[in-house]
Protein backbone atom coordinates (compact mmCIF):
# COMPACT_ATOMS: atom_id res chain seq x y z
CA MET A 1 0.00 0.00 0.00
CA SER A 2 1.35 3.43 -0.93
CA LYS A 3 1.78 6.21 1.64
CA ALA A 4 -1.17 8.10 0.11
CA GLU A 5 -3.39 5.00 0.39
CA GLU A 6 -2.28 4.49 4.00
CA ASN A 7 -3.15 8.12 4.83
CA GLU A 8 -6.56 7.84 3.15
CA LYS A 9 -7.33 4.62 5.05
CA ALA A 10 -6.30 6.22 8.36
CA THR A 11 -8.53 9.24 7.64
CA THR A 12 -11.44 6.96 6.71
CA ASP A 13 -10.96 4.84 9.85
CA ALA A 14 -10.87 8.00 12.00
CA SER A 15 -14.05 9.30 10.34
CA LYS A 16 -15.81 5.98 10.91
CA ALA A 17 -14.78 6.02 14.57
CA ALA A 18 -16.06 9.59 14.99
CA TRP A 19 -19.43 8.70 13.41
CA ARG A 20 -19.71 5.56 15.58
CA GLU A 21 -19.10 7.65 18.68
CA LYS A 22 -21.70 10.28 17.69
CA LEU A 23 -24.50 8.01 16.40
CA SER A 24 -26.52 5.12 17.79
CA PRO A 25 -25.62 1.75 16.24
CA GLU A 26 -28.83 1.81 14.16
CA ALA A 27 -28.31 5.39 12.97
CA TYR A 28 -24.72 4.55 12.05
CA ASN A 29 -25.83 1.49 10.08
CA VAL A 30 -28.48 3.44 8.19
CA THR A 31 -26.67 6.72 7.54
CA ARG A 32 -23.07 5.60 7.07
CA GLU A 33 -23.53 2.02 5.77
CA HIS A 34 -26.71 2.55 3.70
CA GLY A 35 -28.83 0.29 5.87
CA THR A 36 -32.59 0.38 6.43
CA GLU A 37 -34.50 0.35 9.68
CA ARG A 38 -37.43 -2.06 10.03
CA ALA A 39 -40.78 -0.68 8.89
CA PHE A 40 -42.95 0.65 11.73
CA SER A 41 -39.97 0.49 14.16
CA HIS A 42 -39.36 4.23 14.59
CA PRO A 43 -41.89 6.57 16.22
CA TYR A 44 -41.45 9.27 13.55
CA HIS A 45 -43.62 7.30 11.14
CA THR A 46 -46.66 8.35 13.26
CA GLU A 47 -45.27 11.67 14.56
CA LYS A 48 -47.76 14.57 14.30
CA ARG A 49 -45.89 17.48 15.91
CA ASP A 50 -44.86 20.49 13.84
CA GLY A 51 -41.19 21.06 13.23
CA MET A 52 -38.19 20.58 11.01
CA TYR A 53 -36.71 17.14 10.48
CA ARG A 54 -32.93 17.53 10.53
CA CYS A 55 -30.09 15.19 9.59
CA VAL A 56 -29.10 13.11 12.62
CA CYS A 57 -25.46 13.36 11.54
CA CYS A 58 -24.95 17.06 10.82
CA GLY A 59 -28.18 18.85 11.76
CA ALA A 60 -28.98 20.15 8.28
CA PRO A 61 -32.69 20.98 7.77
CA LEU A 62 -34.08 18.31 5.45
CA PHE A 63 -37.86 17.87 5.65
CA SER A 64 -40.66 20.01 7.05
CA SER A 65 -43.60 18.58 8.98
CA GLU A 66 -45.73 20.59 6.50
CA THR A 67 -44.89 18.05 3.78
CA LYS A 68 -45.15 14.92 5.94
CA PHE A 69 -47.92 12.42 5.23
CA ASP A 70 -48.92 8.89 6.22
CA SER A 71 -47.93 6.66 3.32
CA GLY A 72 -48.81 3.47 5.20
CA THR A 73 -45.30 2.13 4.55
CA GLY A 74 -44.02 2.34 8.14
CA TRP A 75 -41.41 5.03 7.44
CA PRO A 76 -41.75 8.80 7.69
CA SER A 77 -42.82 10.07 4.26
CA PHE A 78 -42.62 13.55 2.77
CA THR A 79 -43.69 15.09 -0.54
CA ASP A 80 -40.60 17.27 -0.88
CA ALA A 81 -37.39 18.39 0.76
CA ALA A 82 -37.66 21.46 3.02
CA VAL A 83 -35.00 23.49 1.25
CA GLU A 84 -33.84 23.00 -2.32
CA GLY A 85 -30.36 21.52 -2.49
CA LYS A 86 -30.36 20.07 1.05
CA VAL A 87 -30.82 16.51 -0.23
CA THR A 88 -29.23 14.79 -3.20
CA THR A 89 -30.39 11.77 -5.15
CA HIS A 90 -28.35 8.88 -6.51
CA GLU A 91 -29.17 5.74 -8.48
CA ASP A 92 -29.24 2.68 -6.22
CA THR A 93 -29.10 -0.75 -7.85
CA SER A 94 -28.51 -2.74 -4.66
CA HIS A 95 -30.64 -5.73 -3.70
CA GLY A 96 -31.52 -6.43 -7.34
CA MET A 97 -33.70 -3.30 -7.59
CA ARG A 98 -33.41 0.05 -9.29
CA ARG A 99 -34.27 2.85 -6.87
CA ILE A 100 -33.36 6.46 -6.23
CA GLU A 101 -31.44 6.92 -2.99
CA VAL A 102 -31.76 10.14 -0.96
CA ARG A 103 -28.73 11.54 0.91
CA CYS A 104 -27.99 14.61 3.00
CA ALA A 105 -26.21 17.10 0.75
CA SER A 106 -24.13 18.40 3.66
CA CYS A 107 -22.62 15.17 5.03
CA ASP A 108 -23.61 12.49 2.49
CA ALA A 109 -25.67 10.51 5.05
CA HIS A 110 -27.98 7.89 3.55
CA LEU A 111 -31.56 8.90 4.42
CA GLY A 112 -33.79 6.58 2.41
CA HIS A 113 -35.31 6.53 -1.08
CA VAL A 114 -37.69 8.60 -3.19
CA PHE A 115 -40.49 7.13 -5.31
CA PRO A 116 -42.81 8.71 -7.93
CA ASP A 117 -46.03 7.59 -6.20
CA GLY A 118 -46.67 10.36 -3.68
CA PRO A 119 -49.57 12.76 -3.28
CA GLY A 120 -49.52 16.47 -4.01
CA GLU A 121 -48.06 18.52 -6.83
CA SER A 122 -44.64 16.87 -6.83
CA GLY A 123 -46.03 13.34 -7.04
CA MET A 124 -43.02 12.23 -5.02
CA ARG A 125 -42.79 10.13 -1.85
CA TYR A 126 -39.58 10.62 0.10
CA CYS A 127 -39.50 7.44 2.20
CA ILE A 128 -36.99 8.27 4.95
CA ASN A 129 -35.55 6.22 7.81
CA GLY A 130 -36.67 7.76 11.10
CA CYS A 131 -33.32 7.07 12.77
CA ALA A 132 -31.65 9.28 10.12
CA LEU A 133 -33.63 12.28 11.40
CA ASN A 134 -33.99 14.47 14.48
CA LEU A 135 -37.24 16.41 14.86
CA ASP A 136 -36.63 20.02 15.85
CA THR A 137 -39.98 21.23 17.22
CA ASP A 138 -38.55 24.71 17.90
CA ALA A 139 -37.98 25.33 14.17
CA ALA A 140 -40.76 27.85 13.42
CA GLY A 141 -43.45 25.19 13.20
CA GLY A 142 -41.65 23.33 10.44
CA LYS A 143 -41.84 26.23 8.00
CA THR A 144 -39.68 25.77 4.93
CA GLY A 145 -36.24 27.30 5.30
CA ALA A 146 -36.24 27.24 9.10
């Protein structure tokens, strides 16, 4: 292994250790290893309070309670991101499927997937792992841009 490869590996190992220290084991698995929590396992899928759903890793504002809806899937679902550019999408061909993965634009955390079967004008359903989010109920009632 070259010196540059050794340095990159050491940096990656240090980053992994820092994320493991900051996050719960489930949040680490979902956000850093592209895992998925079990459907209906996180209380955010039935959460009704107003607020801003932020990235559990970096705190970036991702989804407003104003766009949350009950999709019946067992995961928190939203019709759109709270602020344009705060989430990115990537093709995901894992598990023999073709899906669109959603990540935090600030820290690249895996959040979930987006599907074109949602209600509202966008027609999108952002199906997001609850453990990838923190609900900030002090964020101006979940108003976009908070």
